[in-house]
Protein backbone atom coordinates (compact mmCIF):
# COMPACT_ATOMS: atom_id res chain seq x y z
CA MET A 1 0.00 0.00 0.00
CA GLU A 2 0.98 3.62 -0.57
CA ALA A 3 -0.59 6.95 0.36
CA ASP A 4 -3.06 8.21 -2.23
CA PRO A 5 -2.35 11.91 -2.96
CA ALA A 6 -6.07 12.46 -3.51
CA LYS A 7 -6.87 11.27 0.03
CA VAL A 8 -4.11 12.77 2.19
CA PRO A 9 -5.10 15.76 4.37
CA ARG A 10 -4.38 19.26 3.08
CA THR A 11 -5.69 21.26 6.03
CA GLY A 12 -5.26 21.16 9.78
CA GLU A 13 -8.92 20.28 10.24
CA ALA A 14 -8.67 17.29 7.88
CA ALA A 15 -5.43 16.18 9.53
CA ARG A 16 -6.97 16.29 13.02
CA LYS A 17 -9.91 14.22 11.80
CA LEU A 18 -7.57 11.61 10.30
CA ILE A 19 -5.53 11.42 13.50
CA ARG A 20 -8.66 10.65 15.52
CA GLU A 21 -9.41 7.81 13.11
CA VAL A 22 -5.89 6.38 13.26
CA ILE A 23 -4.51 6.92 16.77
CA ALA A 24 -4.57 4.01 19.20
CA GLY A 25 -6.81 3.70 22.22
CA PRO A 26 -6.37 1.13 25.01
CA GLU A 27 -7.87 -1.52 22.70
CA LEU A 28 -4.65 -1.69 20.67
CA PHE A 29 -2.62 -2.65 23.74
CA SER A 30 -3.23 -5.60 26.04
CA ALA A 31 -6.51 -6.10 27.85
CA GLU A 32 -4.95 -4.65 31.01
CA ALA A 33 -4.02 -1.27 29.46
CA ARG A 34 -5.85 1.79 30.76
CA ARG A 35 -5.95 5.49 29.98
CA ASP A 36 -3.41 7.43 32.01
CA SER A 37 -3.94 10.95 33.32
CA PRO A 38 -3.62 13.24 31.50
CA TYR A 39 -4.87 11.13 28.61
CA GLU A 40 -4.20 13.47 25.69
CA SER A 41 -1.58 16.14 25.08
CA ASP A 42 -2.37 19.68 23.96
CA PRO A 43 -2.80 19.28 20.16
CA ALA A 44 -1.46 22.82 19.66
CA THR A 45 2.00 21.69 20.86
CA TRP A 46 4.50 18.93 20.27
CA SER A 47 7.67 17.67 21.97
CA VAL A 48 11.05 19.11 21.00
CA LEU A 49 14.48 17.96 22.19
CA ASP A 50 16.58 21.01 23.10
CA ASP A 51 20.36 21.43 23.08
CA SER A 52 20.53 20.24 26.70
CA CYS A 53 18.89 16.91 25.75
CA VAL A 54 15.68 17.85 27.57
CA TRP A 55 12.26 17.27 26.00
CA ARG A 56 9.81 20.18 26.22
CA ARG A 57 6.52 21.14 24.61
CA GLU A 58 6.57 23.90 22.00
CA PRO A 59 3.90 25.39 19.72
CA LEU A 60 3.19 23.30 16.66
CA PRO A 61 5.40 24.55 13.78
CA GLU A 62 3.97 25.69 10.48
CA GLY A 63 5.44 22.63 8.77
CA VAL A 64 3.12 20.25 10.69
CA LEU A 65 -0.61 20.03 10.01
CA ALA A 66 -1.59 18.29 13.25
CA THR A 67 -0.37 15.97 16.00
CA LEU A 68 -1.75 14.21 19.06
CA THR A 69 -0.24 12.15 21.87
CA ARG A 70 -2.13 9.79 24.16
CA HIS A 71 -0.91 8.30 27.45
CA PHE A 72 -1.62 4.83 28.80
CA VAL A 73 -0.62 2.68 31.75
CA HIS A 74 -0.44 -1.05 32.31
CA PRO A 75 -1.21 -1.16 36.06
CA ALA A 76 1.07 -2.90 38.53
CA ALA A 77 0.11 -6.50 39.19
CA LYS A 78 1.63 -9.30 41.25
CA SER A 79 5.43 -9.04 41.00
CA LYS A 80 5.47 -6.45 38.20
CA GLY A 81 5.26 -2.70 38.44
CA PRO A 82 3.39 -0.43 36.00
CA VAL A 83 4.33 0.20 32.37
CA ARG A 84 3.78 3.75 31.12
CA MET A 85 3.13 4.08 27.40
CA THR A 86 2.43 6.79 24.85
CA VAL A 87 1.30 6.80 21.23
CA THR A 88 1.58 9.74 18.85
CA VAL A 89 0.29 10.42 15.35
CA THR A 90 1.61 13.41 13.39
CA VAL A 91 0.48 14.57 9.94
CA HIS A 92 2.88 16.54 7.75
CA PRO A 93 1.95 18.42 4.58
CA SER A 94 4.10 16.02 2.54
CA THR A 95 5.80 12.65 2.61
CA ALA A 96 9.14 14.48 2.70
CA GLY A 97 8.16 16.09 6.00
CA ALA A 98 7.51 12.68 7.53
CA ALA A 99 10.85 11.43 6.23
CA TRP A 100 12.67 14.36 7.81
CA GLU A 101 11.04 13.66 11.17
CA GLN A 102 12.17 10.05 10.90
CA ALA A 103 15.74 11.11 10.12
CA GLY A 104 15.73 13.60 12.98
CA MET A 105 14.80 10.86 15.43
CA LEU A 106 17.93 8.90 14.50
CA GLU A 107 20.12 11.97 14.97
CA GLU A 108 18.63 12.65 18.41
CA ALA A 109 19.70 9.24 19.71
CA LEU A 110 23.22 9.82 18.42
CA SER A 111 23.60 13.33 19.87
CA CYS A 112 21.71 12.67 23.13
CA THR A 113 22.23 9.14 24.43
CA GLU A 114 20.81 10.41 27.74
CA GLN A 115 17.59 12.43 27.66
CA THR A 116 15.24 13.99 30.21
CA LEU A 117 11.48 13.63 29.80
CA SER A 118 8.63 15.23 31.71
CA GLU A 119 8.33 14.88 35.51
CA GLY A 120 12.03 14.14 35.88
CA ARG A 121 12.00 10.85 34.01
CA LYS A 122 15.26 10.02 32.28
CA LEU A 123 16.36 7.87 29.35
CA SER A 124 19.87 6.45 29.04
CA GLY A 125 21.93 4.12 26.89
CA LEU A 126 19.82 4.88 23.83
CA PHE A 127 20.50 3.03 20.61
CA SER A 128 18.45 3.35 17.40
CA ASN A 129 18.20 1.47 14.13
CA ALA A 130 16.00 2.04 11.10
CA SER A 131 14.92 -0.03 8.11
CA VAL A 132 12.92 0.66 4.99
CA TRP A 133 10.33 -1.75 3.61
CA GLY A 134 11.83 -5.20 3.05
CA GLU A 135 14.91 -4.68 5.23
CA ALA A 136 15.63 -6.28 8.62
CA GLY A 137 12.22 -7.93 8.85
CA ASN A 138 10.30 -4.72 8.13
CA ASN A 139 7.26 -5.93 6.21
CA TYR A 140 4.70 -3.49 7.60
CA ALA A 141 5.97 0.10 7.12
CA GLU A 142 7.53 2.30 4.44
CA ASP A 143 10.15 3.33 6.98
CA SER A 144 10.46 1.90 10.49
CA LEU A 145 12.63 2.95 13.41
CA PHE A 146 13.33 1.20 16.71
CA GLU A 147 15.07 2.59 19.75
CA MET A 148 16.03 0.78 22.91
CA GLY A 149 17.58 1.80 26.19
CA SER A 150 16.72 2.30 29.85
CA CYS A 151 14.37 4.60 31.72
CA SER A 152 14.13 5.76 35.31
CA SER A 153 11.91 8.08 37.30
CA PRO A 154 11.78 9.64 40.78
CA THR A 155 8.66 7.61 41.60
CA ASP A 156 9.38 4.19 40.03
CA GLY A 157 13.18 4.13 40.33
CA GLY A 158 15.19 2.31 37.72
CA PRO A 159 16.84 1.89 35.33
CA TYR A 160 14.28 -0.34 33.61
CA PRO A 161 13.77 -1.41 29.98
CA TYR A 162 12.63 1.29 27.58
CA GLN A 163 11.39 0.86 24.00
CA TYR A 164 10.35 3.19 21.22
CA GLN A 165 8.99 2.45 17.76
CA GLN A 166 8.25 4.93 14.98
CA ALA A 167 7.06 4.39 11.41
CA THR A 168 5.76 6.37 8.44
CA PHE A 169 2.98 6.00 5.90
CA GLY A 170 3.01 8.80 3.36
CA PRO A 171 2.83 12.10 5.33
CA LEU A 172 1.91 10.33 8.59
CA VAL A 173 4.33 9.49 11.39
CA VAL A 174 3.07 7.09 14.07
CA SER A 175 5.02 6.19 17.19
CA MET A 176 4.82 4.35 20.49
CA SER A 177 7.00 4.55 23.60
CA ALA A 178 7.02 2.36 26.70
CA CYS A 179 8.85 2.70 30.01
CA ALA A 180 8.77 -0.39 32.24
CA SER A 181 9.37 -0.77 35.96
CA LYS A 182 10.27 -3.53 38.41
CA GLY A 183 9.76 -7.11 37.25
CA TRP A 184 9.88 -6.36 33.49
CA ASP A 185 12.57 -7.40 31.05
CA ALA A 186 13.00 -6.20 27.45
CA ARG A 187 11.35 -9.28 25.93
CA GLY A 188 8.29 -9.06 28.16
CA LEU A 189 7.96 -5.35 27.44
CA LEU A 190 8.06 -5.99 23.69
CA GLN A 191 5.27 -8.54 23.99
CA GLU A 192 3.18 -5.98 25.87
CA VAL A 193 3.56 -3.13 23.37
CA ASN A 194 4.27 -4.65 19.95
CA GLY A 195 0.78 -4.07 18.51
CA PRO A 196 -0.09 -0.35 18.35
CA VAL A 197 2.27 0.87 15.61
CA PRO A 198 1.45 -1.72 12.90
CA ARG A 199 -2.25 -1.50 13.77
CA MET A 200 -2.24 2.29 13.48
CA LEU A 201 -0.54 1.90 10.11
CA LEU A 202 -3.31 -0.46 9.00
CA ARG A 203 -5.87 2.15 9.99
CA ALA A 204 -3.96 4.78 8.01
CA GLU A 205 -3.83 2.52 4.96
CA ALA A 206 -7.58 1.99 5.16
CA LYS A 207 -8.22 5.74 5.26
CA ILE A 208 -5.71 7.22 2.81
CA GLY A 209 -4.03 4.25 1.11
CA ARG A 210 -4.18 2.62 -2.30
CA PRO A 211 -2.48 -0.51 -3.67
CA VAL A 212 0.91 0.12 -5.21
CA GLU A 213 0.53 -0.20 -8.97
CA GLY A 214 1.12 -3.74 -10.15
CA THR A 215 0.74 -5.36 -6.71
CA GLY A 216 -2.98 -6.07 -6.72
CA SER A 217 -5.17 -5.77 -3.64
CA LYS A 218 -4.13 -4.88 -0.10
CA ALA A 219 -1.94 -7.41 1.66
CA ASP A 220 -3.23 -9.64 4.42
CA PRO A 221 -3.00 -7.77 7.76
CA ALA A 222 -1.25 -10.82 9.18
CA ALA A 223 1.76 -9.86 7.09
CA HIS A 224 2.19 -6.75 9.24
CA ALA A 225 3.75 -8.62 12.15
CA VAL A 226 6.24 -6.70 14.24
CA PRO A 227 9.84 -7.89 13.87
CA GLY A 228 11.62 -9.10 16.97
CA THR A 229 13.34 -5.82 17.76
CA THR A 230 13.07 -3.49 20.74
CA GLY A 231 13.14 0.28 21.03
CA GLY A 232 11.73 3.23 23.07
CA LYS A 233 10.93 7.04 23.75
CA GLU A 234 8.30 9.54 24.83
CA GLY A 235 5.78 10.43 22.15
CA ARG A 236 5.91 13.68 20.23
């Protein structure tokens, strides 16, 4: 599938409508996932990494039509602490804008291997890798990025496993981050959060996609399985 130029949003209003149709709710995580508080970010802002490697919210730039971040939590149970998760969908005016955001994410991990999120949470030991369609098991996105590392917070302690996944479809960028706590390892965290990104991409394909010429009808959704890779970061 590819983005159909006749269907992609051209205005902020159309982009916001598309985001609401694509962005994940708790149903795209495990049955235990719940809305966190606050649930949604201010759609007039997005996250920017400054020169001090600190994430902060800034007004949405002119080069972005719309964006939205949602926050979720997998509550603590038995011997495991909570997992805090975010998903973000951003719509750019063009496919090139989405590609630049993807490239920028790789540069951020190289220049800031330690980053500070909201409420004093910290990321460390960050490592990113990216693959286009058909490379490294990527059979679900035009361009996919994974980041892995550790996270810690004043309330939950740490460091604990951290994963981030980001992918593009035409002018859309979808992402998911997850910060674990006690009792979680990287493999278990991946199993908890491996669904939202490919499922959001399927929603995007259904809304603004068309079959690539010469390939026939849309592929079976089962082909959009997530490769066995880990990653992680706060949503934009």
